[in-house]
Amino acid sequence: MRKAKTALCLITATGLTFHAFNPNFLSSSSDSFPNFPEKLRAPIHGVNRSSRAIATIAFTAVDYKFTLHGLSVDSDEYRQKLSEVHRRSATRIRKLCEVNRGFYVKAGQFVAALRQVPKEYSLTLSSLQDQFLIISRLLKRFLSLDEHPIAAASIAQVHRGVLKGHQEVAIKVQYPGLEQQMKIDATTMYFLSKSLAWQFFPEYRFEWLVSEFVRSISLELDFIQEARNSETTANNFANNKWVKVPRVFWDLTTHQVLTMEFCTGQKVDDVEYLKERRIHPMKVAEVLLEVFAEMIFIHGFLHGDPHPGNILVCPEGQNGFSLVILDHGIYKKLDEGFRLDYCQLWKALILLDSKNLQRLGERFGVAKYSRYFPVIFTGRTIDSKSALGKAMSVEERRNLKQELKSLKMEDISSFMESLPSDFLTILRTDGLLRSIVSKLGAPQRVRLLAYGKYALYGLSPKLNPESDFAPKVVFSRLKANASYYRLRLILEVLQLLSWMAKVKLLLYTMYEKIRLCY
């Protein structure tokens, strides 16, 4: 233990010393050794990047310790100082991601999409979603190929080209040397997460976050697998007129190069563009939510990175527009047992069925925290009297705030560590979808009803319309629709009763005021 601690201190000191004597430490490029042989350049870059990361995290840890030292956790000054140090640290880490590039940018994007991190981090790191990088790579067999990329991100860039058959395509080209770089960066991230928990913040455990990130980024490096994911999704939505998945050109696709049909469109959250095209943002939100609800609850095959740049609105299609789904690198094939349990979870969430929530919490390995599922997914407490999609009452908020005070950071870490990896993927995807839907101006009720509807569909027996007996298919769909409309009726009645209770209270208050006046 003492040796490990000494090693940590030495490495951290080395990074801090390098930072002190190199003012451009957080602004120098990781490609700063052009005269070294290629074989030496990669390990030198790795050490350079790791030293930069260790120094940044060490400064951040010290900043937290000194800024919050001696302050009461319940005081206003503590909350103000905490917000300030969150903002400083997020800016520091964003600069680290921008300089180290590659997987650090991807890690920043990953953290920005999590609803569980402080808002200062998610807001600051969200700027990494659109970072552009430059690299030159020439491909043959094209009638024309734009030298400058039309888009670039942390692991690849996209060029526009025209094949000799006059088919317009998009060519996604991976940056060289990423696999070796990933191993070094992943090792550094694991080391930092363990060091922070051990040396500075024992109540914080970040290993689950690093493990989930490394797993997802490893999948994204294989463009052959991405092409397969794309085709699976295209088949799943073959009869859905709202969805467009670019066709893959397999003869021009390798593990590092992916060639797809070029599709036009604008980012899904570009409200001005939608209004110019007379496309209603609310309808776009409804279609988006139903598409991803179908992925989760019906197919159990989920796109894990639906940020706005990966979903375009194309002003073409039978219904006036279509959603173009891009970047199929990060996918999760949900376990069938988990998919059915998750369908049951949403049915229980909408009906606030506490017994089923407790039972499902045990199946997910988080029975102790199952009462918080309604808060996480629907924004109301398990004892809520509010209608679905409505905000909590002042009293409910006060009671929840009081209850949450008893939870420690260790409880949150334990909750996240105990969840199945399928659950973590859904949480991240749901967080990204909520952000998009909010920008489109759709109320939370739209999301809740879409999830409730497809959760009920997902509990119905899976039937193949092409091979199963036609009346059986029709009956199954009618049964699922009947369950959904029954659920809708229950929700509408509950909302009506809630509205009547408010009217009754208002009339009683007015009566009392009038009585007191006379």
Protein backbone atom coordinates (compact mmCIF):
# COMPACT_ATOMS: atom_id res chain seq x y z
CA MET A 1 0.00 0.00 0.00
CA ARG A 2 2.83 2.36 0.97
CA LYS A 3 4.66 1.64 -2.32
CA ALA A 4 1.52 2.35 -4.33
CA LYS A 5 0.98 5.58 -2.45
CA THR A 6 4.59 6.62 -3.06
CA ALA A 7 4.24 5.83 -6.77
CA LEU A 8 1.09 7.92 -6.99
CA CYS A 9 2.79 10.86 -5.28
CA LEU A 10 5.85 10.61 -7.56
CA ILE A 11 3.80 10.45 -10.76
CA THR A 12 1.56 13.29 -9.60
CA ALA A 13 4.62 15.35 -8.63
CA THR A 14 6.16 14.70 -12.04
CA GLY A 15 2.99 15.91 -13.75
CA LEU A 16 2.76 18.98 -11.51
CA THR A 17 6.41 19.81 -12.11
CA PHE A 18 5.94 19.49 -15.87
CA HIS A 19 2.90 21.75 -15.57
CA ALA A 20 4.83 24.31 -13.53
CA PHE A 21 7.77 24.55 -15.96
CA ASN A 22 5.67 24.37 -19.12
CA PRO A 23 3.03 27.15 -19.19
CA ASN A 24 1.58 25.70 -22.40
CA PHE A 25 1.11 22.27 -20.80
CA LEU A 26 -2.67 22.36 -21.29
CA SER A 27 -2.54 23.97 -24.71
CA SER A 28 0.25 22.06 -26.42
CA SER A 29 -0.67 19.45 -28.98
CA SER A 30 -0.15 15.79 -28.35
CA ASP A 31 1.57 15.67 -31.76
CA SER A 32 4.59 17.65 -30.57
CA PHE A 33 7.34 15.16 -31.39
CA PRO A 34 7.56 15.22 -35.22
CA ASN A 35 11.29 14.37 -35.32
CA PHE A 36 11.02 11.14 -33.36
CA PRO A 37 10.69 7.75 -35.14
CA GLU A 38 7.11 6.44 -35.41
CA LYS A 39 7.76 3.56 -32.96
CA LEU A 40 8.99 5.98 -30.28
CA ARG A 41 6.40 8.66 -30.92
CA ALA A 42 3.41 6.61 -29.68
CA PRO A 43 4.80 5.74 -26.20
CA ILE A 44 6.15 9.30 -25.77
CA HIS A 45 2.72 10.67 -26.65
CA GLY A 46 1.20 8.22 -24.18
CA VAL A 47 3.46 9.40 -21.33
CA ASN A 48 2.85 13.04 -22.27
CA ARG A 49 -0.93 12.61 -22.34
CA SER A 50 -0.95 10.60 -19.10
CA SER A 51 1.21 13.18 -17.28
CA ARG A 52 -1.12 15.93 -18.46
CA ALA A 53 -4.17 13.97 -17.24
CA ILE A 54 -2.63 13.16 -13.84
CA ALA A 55 -1.60 16.78 -13.27
CA THR A 56 -5.07 18.05 -14.20
CA ILE A 57 -6.89 15.59 -11.93
CA ALA A 58 -4.43 16.26 -9.08
CA PHE A 59 -5.04 20.03 -9.34
CA THR A 60 -8.79 19.36 -9.44
CA ALA A 61 -8.72 17.13 -6.34
CA VAL A 62 -6.65 19.69 -4.40
CA ASP A 63 -9.00 22.47 -5.52
CA TYR A 64 -12.00 20.60 -4.10
CA LYS A 65 -10.24 19.78 -0.82
CA PHE A 66 -9.02 23.32 -0.12
CA THR A 67 -12.10 25.18 -1.38
CA LEU A 68 -14.56 23.15 0.70
CA HIS A 69 -12.36 22.64 3.76
CA GLY A 70 -14.08 23.59 7.01
CA LEU A 71 -17.45 24.45 5.44
CA SER A 72 -20.69 22.92 6.67
CA VAL A 73 -22.33 20.73 4.02
CA ASP A 74 -25.76 22.24 4.79
CA SER A 75 -24.63 25.88 4.52
CA ASP A 76 -25.36 28.24 1.61
CA GLU A 77 -21.65 29.13 1.43
CA TYR A 78 -20.79 25.42 0.90
CA ARG A 79 -23.30 25.13 -1.97
CA GLN A 80 -21.99 28.33 -3.58
CA LYS A 81 -18.34 27.26 -3.27
CA LEU A 82 -19.19 23.77 -4.53
CA SER A 83 -20.82 25.21 -7.65
CA GLU A 84 -17.77 27.43 -8.26
CA VAL A 85 -15.28 24.56 -7.92
CA HIS A 86 -17.49 22.36 -10.14
CA ARG A 87 -17.34 25.06 -12.83
CA ARG A 88 -13.56 25.55 -12.53
CA SER A 89 -12.90 21.83 -12.57
CA ALA A 90 -15.20 21.22 -15.55
CA THR A 91 -13.40 23.93 -17.53
CA ARG A 92 -10.02 22.43 -16.58
CA ILE A 93 -11.13 18.95 -17.67
CA ARG A 94 -12.64 20.27 -20.91
CA LYS A 95 -9.27 21.83 -21.79
CA LEU A 96 -7.59 18.50 -21.01
CA CYS A 97 -9.99 16.71 -23.37
CA GLU A 98 -9.42 19.27 -26.13
CA VAL A 99 -5.63 18.96 -25.92
CA ASN A 100 -5.40 15.18 -25.43
CA ARG A 101 -8.14 14.64 -28.02
CA GLY A 102 -9.11 11.11 -29.10
CA PHE A 103 -10.60 9.10 -26.24
CA TYR A 104 -10.47 12.02 -23.83
CA VAL A 105 -12.91 13.93 -26.06
CA LYS A 106 -15.10 10.82 -26.20
CA ALA A 107 -14.89 10.47 -22.40
CA GLY A 108 -15.93 14.11 -22.01
CA GLN A 109 -18.90 13.55 -24.31
CA PHE A 110 -19.80 10.41 -22.36
CA VAL A 111 -19.81 12.28 -19.02
CA ALA A 112 -21.72 15.26 -20.49
CA ALA A 113 -24.57 12.94 -21.46
CA LEU A 114 -25.01 11.55 -17.93
CA ARG A 115 -27.83 13.15 -15.93
CA GLN A 116 -26.15 11.99 -12.71
CA VAL A 117 -23.25 14.49 -12.95
CA PRO A 118 -23.48 18.10 -11.66
CA LYS A 119 -24.96 20.51 -14.22
CA GLU A 120 -21.74 22.55 -14.29
CA TYR A 121 -19.96 19.52 -15.78
CA SER A 122 -22.68 18.58 -18.28
CA LEU A 123 -23.00 22.18 -19.55
CA THR A 124 -19.24 22.77 -19.84
CA LEU A 125 -18.37 19.40 -21.38
CA SER A 126 -21.30 19.50 -23.83
CA SER A 127 -19.21 21.81 -26.05
CA LEU A 128 -17.11 18.74 -26.92
CA GLN A 129 -20.05 17.24 -28.84
CA ASP A 130 -19.21 19.29 -31.96
CA GLN A 131 -15.41 19.39 -31.86
CA PHE A 132 -13.77 19.32 -35.29
CA LEU A 133 -10.37 17.76 -35.99
CA ILE A 134 -8.29 17.68 -39.21
CA ILE A 135 -6.50 14.71 -40.76
CA SER A 136 -5.67 13.87 -44.38
CA ARG A 137 -6.40 10.47 -45.90
CA LEU A 138 -6.99 9.63 -49.58
CA LEU A 139 -9.28 6.88 -50.82
CA LYS A 140 -9.54 5.52 -54.37
CA ARG A 141 -12.39 4.21 -56.57
CA PHE A 142 -14.30 7.49 -56.47
CA LEU A 143 -15.39 9.77 -59.27
CA SER A 144 -14.80 12.63 -56.86
CA LEU A 145 -13.84 12.93 -53.21
CA ASP A 146 -13.85 16.08 -51.09
CA GLU A 147 -10.44 16.50 -49.51
CA HIS A 148 -11.84 18.51 -46.60
CA PRO A 149 -14.08 16.61 -44.17
CA ILE A 150 -17.74 17.63 -43.81
CA ALA A 151 -17.65 16.46 -40.20
CA ALA A 152 -15.02 15.31 -37.71
CA ALA A 153 -15.09 13.94 -34.18
CA SER A 154 -12.88 12.22 -31.63
CA ILE A 155 -12.11 8.97 -33.48
CA ALA A 156 -12.92 9.63 -37.16
CA GLN A 157 -13.83 12.19 -39.78
CA VAL A 158 -16.35 12.05 -42.61
CA HIS A 159 -15.74 12.99 -46.26
CA ARG A 160 -18.29 13.42 -49.02
CA GLY A 161 -17.69 11.61 -52.29
CA VAL A 162 -19.26 10.36 -55.50
CA LEU A 163 -18.73 6.81 -56.74
CA LYS A 164 -18.07 6.05 -60.39
CA GLY A 165 -21.71 4.92 -60.63
CA HIS A 166 -22.70 8.49 -59.62
CA GLN A 167 -23.94 7.38 -56.17
CA GLU A 168 -23.29 10.07 -53.55
CA VAL A 169 -21.69 8.61 -50.43
CA ALA A 170 -20.26 9.55 -47.02
CA ILE A 171 -16.88 7.99 -46.13
CA LYS A 172 -16.04 7.70 -42.44
CA VAL A 173 -12.26 7.37 -41.93
CA GLN A 174 -10.76 6.37 -38.58
CA TYR A 175 -7.66 8.17 -37.33
CA PRO A 176 -4.53 5.96 -37.33
CA GLY A 177 -3.05 4.43 -34.17
CA LEU A 178 -6.20 4.63 -32.07
CA GLU A 179 -6.14 1.07 -30.68
CA GLN A 180 -2.73 1.51 -29.06
CA GLN A 181 -3.71 4.98 -27.88
CA MET A 182 -6.89 3.57 -26.34
CA LYS A 183 -4.98 1.02 -24.25
CA ILE A 184 -2.72 3.72 -22.79
CA ASP A 185 -5.62 6.15 -22.17
CA ALA A 186 -7.83 3.46 -20.63
CA THR A 187 -5.03 2.42 -18.25
CA THR A 188 -4.55 6.08 -17.24
CA MET A 189 -8.28 6.55 -16.64
CA TYR A 190 -8.51 3.40 -14.48
CA PHE A 191 -5.46 4.55 -12.51
CA LEU A 192 -6.91 8.03 -11.95
CA SER A 193 -10.35 6.71 -10.92
CA LYS A 194 -8.83 4.34 -8.35
CA SER A 195 -6.39 6.98 -7.09
CA LEU A 196 -9.12 9.58 -6.58
CA ALA A 197 -11.30 7.14 -4.64
CA TRP A 198 -8.40 5.85 -2.54
CA GLN A 199 -6.39 9.02 -1.93
CA PHE A 200 -8.90 11.87 -1.90
CA PHE A 201 -12.60 10.86 -2.10
CA PRO A 202 -13.22 7.35 -0.69
CA GLU A 203 -16.99 7.89 -0.87
CA TYR A 204 -16.77 8.42 -4.66
CA ARG A 205 -16.28 5.32 -6.82
CA PHE A 206 -15.71 6.03 -10.51
CA GLU A 207 -14.65 2.59 -11.76
CA TRP A 208 -18.14 1.70 -13.01
CA LEU A 209 -18.09 4.87 -15.15
CA VAL A 210 -14.65 4.12 -16.63
CA SER A 211 -15.58 0.48 -17.30
CA GLU A 212 -18.78 1.46 -19.11
CA PHE A 213 -16.95 4.07 -21.17
CA VAL A 214 -14.09 1.73 -22.18
CA ARG A 215 -16.61 -0.97 -23.14
CA SER A 216 -18.59 1.40 -25.37
CA ILE A 217 -15.56 3.04 -27.01
CA SER A 218 -14.03 -0.37 -27.82
CA LEU A 219 -17.17 -1.21 -29.79
CA GLU A 220 -16.98 2.08 -31.67
CA LEU A 221 -13.51 1.36 -33.08
CA ASP A 222 -14.69 -1.53 -35.27
CA PHE A 223 -16.40 -0.11 -38.38
CA ILE A 224 -17.33 -3.60 -39.61
CA GLN A 225 -19.40 -4.05 -36.45
CA GLU A 226 -20.85 -0.56 -36.89
CA ALA A 227 -21.95 -1.52 -40.41
CA ARG A 228 -23.63 -4.68 -39.05
CA ASN A 229 -25.41 -2.62 -36.37
CA SER A 230 -26.61 -0.23 -39.08
CA GLU A 231 -28.08 -3.05 -41.15
CA THR A 232 -29.77 -4.64 -38.12
CA THR A 233 -31.44 -1.32 -37.29
CA ALA A 234 -32.46 -0.84 -40.94
CA ASN A 235 -34.12 -4.28 -40.89
CA ASN A 236 -35.84 -3.59 -37.56
CA PHE A 237 -37.39 -0.41 -38.99
CA ALA A 238 -37.92 -1.61 -42.56
CA ASN A 239 -41.69 -0.99 -42.30
CA ASN A 240 -41.38 2.30 -40.43
CA LYS A 241 -41.85 5.23 -42.86
CA TRP A 242 -40.45 7.72 -40.36
CA VAL A 243 -36.96 6.17 -40.17
CA LYS A 244 -34.09 6.29 -42.64
CA VAL A 245 -30.82 4.38 -42.10
CA PRO A 246 -28.05 5.00 -44.69
CA ARG A 247 -27.19 1.95 -46.82
CA VAL A 248 -23.73 0.43 -46.30
CA PHE A 249 -21.38 -0.14 -49.26
CA TRP A 250 -19.64 -3.32 -48.09
CA ASP A 251 -17.06 -3.44 -50.91
CA LEU A 252 -15.73 -0.06 -49.69
CA THR A 253 -15.89 -0.84 -45.96
CA THR A 254 -13.12 -2.13 -43.68
CA HIS A 255 -12.43 -2.09 -39.93
CA GLN A 256 -11.14 1.52 -40.29
CA VAL A 257 -13.18 2.84 -43.26
CA LEU A 258 -16.98 2.88 -43.51
CA THR A 259 -18.73 3.94 -46.71
CA MET A 260 -22.44 4.75 -46.55
CA GLU A 261 -25.18 6.32 -48.60
CA PHE A 262 -25.07 10.11 -48.20
CA CYS A 263 -28.24 11.46 -46.54
CA THR A 264 -29.20 15.11 -46.23
CA GLY A 265 -30.80 16.69 -43.20
CA GLN A 266 -30.33 18.98 -40.23
CA LYS A 267 -29.71 18.25 -36.55
CA VAL A 268 -32.86 17.03 -34.84
CA ASP A 269 -32.84 19.85 -32.25
CA ASP A 270 -32.54 22.69 -34.80
CA VAL A 271 -35.94 24.24 -34.09
CA GLU A 272 -35.45 27.19 -36.47
CA TYR A 273 -34.77 24.82 -39.36
CA LEU A 274 -37.90 22.79 -38.52
CA LYS A 275 -40.07 25.91 -38.46
CA GLU A 276 -38.64 27.14 -41.77
CA ARG A 277 -39.59 23.78 -43.31
CA ARG A 278 -43.00 23.86 -41.60
CA ILE A 279 -42.20 20.71 -39.66
CA HIS A 280 -43.80 20.75 -36.20
CA PRO A 281 -41.13 20.25 -33.48
CA MET A 282 -43.66 18.44 -31.27
CA LYS A 283 -44.27 15.84 -33.98
CA VAL A 284 -40.52 15.34 -34.40
CA ALA A 285 -40.25 14.77 -30.62
CA GLU A 286 -43.08 12.23 -30.69
CA VAL A 287 -41.56 10.29 -33.60
CA LEU A 288 -38.07 10.37 -32.03
CA LEU A 289 -39.35 9.01 -28.72
CA GLU A 290 -41.41 6.29 -30.38
CA VAL A 291 -38.43 5.17 -32.48
CA PHE A 292 -36.18 4.80 -29.45
CA ALA A 293 -38.98 3.30 -27.34
CA GLU A 294 -39.35 0.65 -30.05
CA MET A 295 -35.58 0.01 -29.93
CA ILE A 296 -35.67 -0.49 -26.15
CA PHE A 297 -38.96 -2.24 -25.47
CA ILE A 298 -39.58 -4.20 -28.71
CA HIS A 299 -36.27 -5.02 -30.40
CA GLY A 300 -33.96 -4.86 -27.39
CA PHE A 301 -31.29 -3.44 -29.71
CA LEU A 302 -30.44 0.11 -28.66
CA HIS A 303 -28.43 2.94 -30.24
CA GLY A 304 -26.25 4.11 -27.35
CA ASP A 305 -25.23 7.59 -28.55
CA PRO A 306 -28.28 9.55 -29.81
CA HIS A 307 -26.85 13.06 -29.50
CA PRO A 308 -28.28 15.66 -31.96
CA GLY A 309 -25.44 15.22 -34.47
CA ASN A 310 -26.34 11.55 -34.89
CA ILE A 311 -30.01 12.14 -35.71
CA LEU A 312 -30.97 14.30 -38.67
CA VAL A 313 -34.37 15.55 -39.80
CA CYS A 314 -34.74 15.11 -43.55
CA PRO A 315 -37.59 17.15 -45.14
CA GLU A 316 -38.51 14.19 -47.34
CA GLY A 317 -40.72 11.17 -46.87
CA GLN A 318 -44.35 10.10 -47.05
CA ASN A 319 -45.18 11.91 -43.81
CA GLY A 320 -43.47 15.22 -44.59
CA PHE A 321 -40.17 14.35 -42.92
CA SER A 322 -38.05 11.42 -41.80
CA LEU A 323 -35.42 10.83 -39.14
CA VAL A 324 -31.99 9.82 -40.44
CA ILE A 325 -30.15 7.76 -37.81
CA LEU A 326 -26.34 7.92 -38.05
CA ASP A 327 -23.29 6.63 -36.17
CA HIS A 328 -24.18 3.04 -35.26
CA GLY A 329 -20.91 2.25 -33.47
CA ILE A 330 -22.23 2.12 -29.90
CA TYR A 331 -25.10 -0.35 -29.58
CA LYS A 332 -26.40 -2.51 -26.78
CA LYS A 333 -28.15 -5.84 -27.31
CA LEU A 334 -30.38 -6.07 -24.26
CA ASP A 335 -30.70 -9.38 -22.46
CA GLU A 336 -34.21 -10.76 -23.17
CA GLY A 337 -34.96 -11.24 -19.47
CA PHE A 338 -33.83 -7.67 -18.76
CA ARG A 339 -35.97 -6.33 -21.65
CA LEU A 340 -39.11 -7.93 -20.22
CA ASP A 341 -38.30 -6.72 -16.69
CA TYR A 342 -37.73 -3.21 -18.03
CA CYS A 343 -41.14 -3.31 -19.75
CA GLN A 344 -42.68 -4.33 -16.43
CA LEU A 345 -40.78 -1.52 -14.70
CA TRP A 346 -42.36 1.11 -16.92
CA LYS A 347 -45.83 -0.32 -16.44
CA ALA A 348 -45.26 -0.16 -12.67
CA LEU A 349 -43.83 3.38 -12.93
CA ILE A 350 -46.87 4.75 -14.72
CA LEU A 351 -49.32 3.07 -12.32
CA LEU A 352 -47.05 3.79 -9.28
CA ASP A 353 -47.25 0.10 -8.36
CA SER A 354 -44.94 0.08 -5.30
CA LYS A 355 -45.03 -3.71 -4.83
CA ASN A 356 -43.90 -4.37 -8.39
CA LEU A 357 -41.27 -1.61 -8.17
CA GLN A 358 -39.80 -3.29 -5.09
CA ARG A 359 -39.83 -6.70 -6.79
CA LEU A 360 -38.17 -5.33 -9.93
CA GLY A 361 -35.63 -3.43 -7.83
CA GLU A 362 -34.56 -6.78 -6.36
CA ARG A 363 -34.22 -8.27 -9.84
CA PHE A 364 -32.05 -5.32 -10.93
CA GLY A 365 -29.90 -5.67 -7.78
CA VAL A 366 -30.91 -2.31 -6.25
CA ALA A 367 -33.89 -3.19 -4.01
CA LYS A 368 -32.74 -0.66 -1.40
CA TYR A 369 -33.15 2.19 -3.90
CA SER A 370 -36.23 0.99 -5.85
CA ARG A 371 -38.43 3.69 -4.30
CA TYR A 372 -36.39 6.26 -6.24
CA PHE A 373 -37.17 4.76 -9.68
CA PRO A 374 -40.22 7.07 -10.13
CA VAL A 375 -38.08 10.13 -9.35
CA ILE A 376 -35.33 9.09 -11.80
CA PHE A 377 -37.64 8.24 -14.71
CA THR A 378 -40.92 10.17 -14.25
CA GLY A 379 -40.04 13.11 -12.01
CA ARG A 380 -42.49 12.22 -9.24
CA THR A 381 -42.16 10.36 -5.94
CA ILE A 382 -43.53 6.92 -5.20
CA ASP A 383 -46.17 8.54 -2.92
CA SER A 384 -46.97 11.29 -5.42
CA LYS A 385 -50.51 12.56 -5.89
CA SER A 386 -49.48 14.50 -9.01
CA ALA A 387 -50.76 13.42 -12.43
CA LEU A 388 -48.30 11.74 -14.79
CA GLY A 389 -46.00 14.29 -16.41
CA LYS A 390 -46.93 17.03 -13.96
CA ALA A 391 -44.44 18.66 -11.60
CA MET A 392 -44.26 17.59 -7.98
CA SER A 393 -46.16 19.69 -5.45
CA VAL A 394 -44.24 21.97 -3.09
CA GLU A 395 -44.88 19.53 -0.24
CA GLU A 396 -43.62 16.56 -2.27
CA ARG A 397 -40.47 18.45 -3.20
CA ARG A 398 -39.86 19.38 0.43
CA ASN A 399 -40.33 15.78 1.62
CA LEU A 400 -38.08 14.42 -1.14
CA LYS A 401 -35.35 16.96 -0.37
CA GLN A 402 -35.48 15.93 3.28
CA GLU A 403 -35.32 12.25 2.37
CA LEU A 404 -32.39 12.71 -0.02
CA LYS A 405 -30.36 14.41 2.72
CA SER A 406 -29.98 10.99 4.36
CA LEU A 407 -28.28 9.63 1.21
CA LYS A 408 -24.52 9.86 0.92
CA MET A 409 -22.33 9.91 -2.16
CA GLU A 410 -21.43 6.34 -1.26
CA ASP A 411 -25.11 5.37 -1.74
CA ILE A 412 -25.17 6.88 -5.23
CA SER A 413 -21.93 5.10 -6.15
CA SER A 414 -23.34 1.83 -4.78
CA PHE A 415 -26.56 2.29 -6.78
CA MET A 416 -24.71 2.92 -10.06
CA GLU A 417 -22.25 0.05 -9.48
CA SER A 418 -25.06 -2.42 -8.72
CA LEU A 419 -27.12 -1.70 -11.84
CA PRO A 420 -26.83 -4.09 -14.82
CA SER A 421 -24.80 -2.66 -17.72
CA ASP A 422 -27.99 -2.75 -19.85
CA PHE A 423 -29.57 -0.33 -17.38
CA LEU A 424 -26.61 2.09 -17.54
CA THR A 425 -26.84 2.23 -21.35
CA ILE A 426 -30.56 3.03 -21.16
CA LEU A 427 -29.98 5.73 -18.53
CA ARG A 428 -27.43 7.47 -20.77
CA THR A 429 -29.62 7.18 -23.89
CA ASP A 430 -32.66 8.42 -22.00
CA GLY A 431 -30.69 11.41 -20.71
CA LEU A 432 -29.71 12.42 -24.26
CA LEU A 433 -33.29 11.99 -25.51
CA ARG A 434 -34.70 14.10 -22.67
CA SER A 435 -32.33 16.92 -23.59
CA ILE A 436 -33.39 16.82 -27.27
CA VAL A 437 -37.10 16.58 -26.47
CA SER A 438 -36.79 19.53 -24.07
CA LYS A 439 -35.21 21.67 -26.83
CA LEU A 440 -38.07 20.69 -29.15
CA GLY A 441 -40.54 22.05 -26.58
CA ALA A 442 -42.35 18.77 -25.89
CA PRO A 443 -43.71 18.20 -22.36
CA GLN A 444 -42.47 15.25 -20.33
CA ARG A 445 -45.89 13.58 -20.69
CA VAL A 446 -45.11 12.83 -24.39
CA ARG A 447 -42.06 10.79 -23.40
CA LEU A 448 -43.84 8.98 -20.57
CA LEU A 449 -46.78 7.94 -22.74
CA ALA A 450 -44.49 6.77 -25.56
CA TYR A 451 -42.51 4.62 -23.14
CA GLY A 452 -45.68 3.30 -21.47
CA LYS A 453 -47.20 2.41 -24.85
CA TYR A 454 -44.17 0.49 -26.11
CA ALA A 455 -43.58 -1.16 -22.72
CA LEU A 456 -47.03 -2.76 -23.10
CA TYR A 457 -46.28 -3.71 -26.71
CA GLY A 458 -43.00 -5.22 -25.51
CA LEU A 459 -44.84 -7.50 -23.06
CA SER A 460 -46.92 -8.98 -25.89
CA PRO A 461 -45.66 -12.22 -27.54
CA LYS A 462 -43.23 -11.50 -30.38
CA LEU A 463 -44.87 -12.47 -33.67
CA ASN A 464 -43.64 -12.34 -37.25
CA PRO A 465 -46.29 -10.82 -39.58
CA GLU A 466 -44.74 -12.63 -42.56
CA SER A 467 -44.73 -16.16 -41.12
CA ASP A 468 -47.22 -16.30 -38.23
CA PHE A 469 -50.94 -17.00 -38.66
CA ALA A 470 -52.51 -13.65 -39.71
CA PRO A 471 -55.49 -13.69 -37.25
CA LYS A 472 -53.05 -14.47 -34.42
CA VAL A 473 -50.95 -11.42 -35.31
CA VAL A 474 -54.03 -9.19 -35.54
CA PHE A 475 -55.39 -10.47 -32.20
CA SER A 476 -52.05 -9.91 -30.46
CA ARG A 477 -51.87 -6.31 -31.71
CA LEU A 478 -55.49 -5.64 -30.73
CA LYS A 479 -54.77 -6.99 -27.25
CA ALA A 480 -51.68 -4.78 -26.87
CA ASN A 481 -53.61 -1.73 -28.13
CA ALA A 482 -56.47 -2.48 -25.72
CA SER A 483 -53.99 -2.61 -22.81
CA TYR A 484 -52.49 0.69 -23.89
CA TYR A 485 -55.84 2.49 -24.22
CA ARG A 486 -56.95 1.08 -20.88
CA LEU A 487 -53.78 2.50 -19.36
CA ARG A 488 -54.42 5.83 -21.09
CA LEU A 489 -57.96 5.86 -19.68
CA ILE A 490 -56.66 5.23 -16.16
CA LEU A 491 -54.17 8.08 -16.56
CA GLU A 492 -56.82 10.48 -17.89
CA VAL A 493 -59.19 9.61 -15.04
CA LEU A 494 -56.38 10.14 -12.51
CA GLN A 495 -55.58 13.50 -14.08
CA LEU A 496 -59.27 14.48 -14.03
CA LEU A 497 -59.54 13.53 -10.33
CA SER A 498 -56.39 15.54 -9.62
CA TRP A 499 -57.86 18.54 -11.45
CA MET A 500 -61.19 18.18 -9.59
CA ALA A 501 -59.34 18.07 -6.24
CA LYS A 502 -57.56 21.33 -7.12
CA VAL A 503 -60.86 22.96 -8.15
CA LYS A 504 -62.49 21.78 -4.92
CA LEU A 505 -59.61 23.24 -2.88
CA LEU A 506 -59.82 26.53 -4.80
CA LEU A 507 -63.60 26.81 -4.26
CA TYR A 508 -63.21 26.00 -0.57
CA THR A 509 -60.50 28.68 -0.20
CA MET A 510 -62.72 31.25 -1.95
CA TYR A 511 -65.68 30.28 0.25
CA GLU A 512 -63.61 30.72 3.42
CA LYS A 513 -62.40 34.14 2.28
CA ILE A 514 -65.96 35.27 1.50
CA ARG A 515 -67.24 33.89 4.85
CA LEU A 516 -64.53 35.74 6.76
CA CYS A 517 -65.40 38.98 4.95
CA TYR A 518 -69.00 38.79 6.15
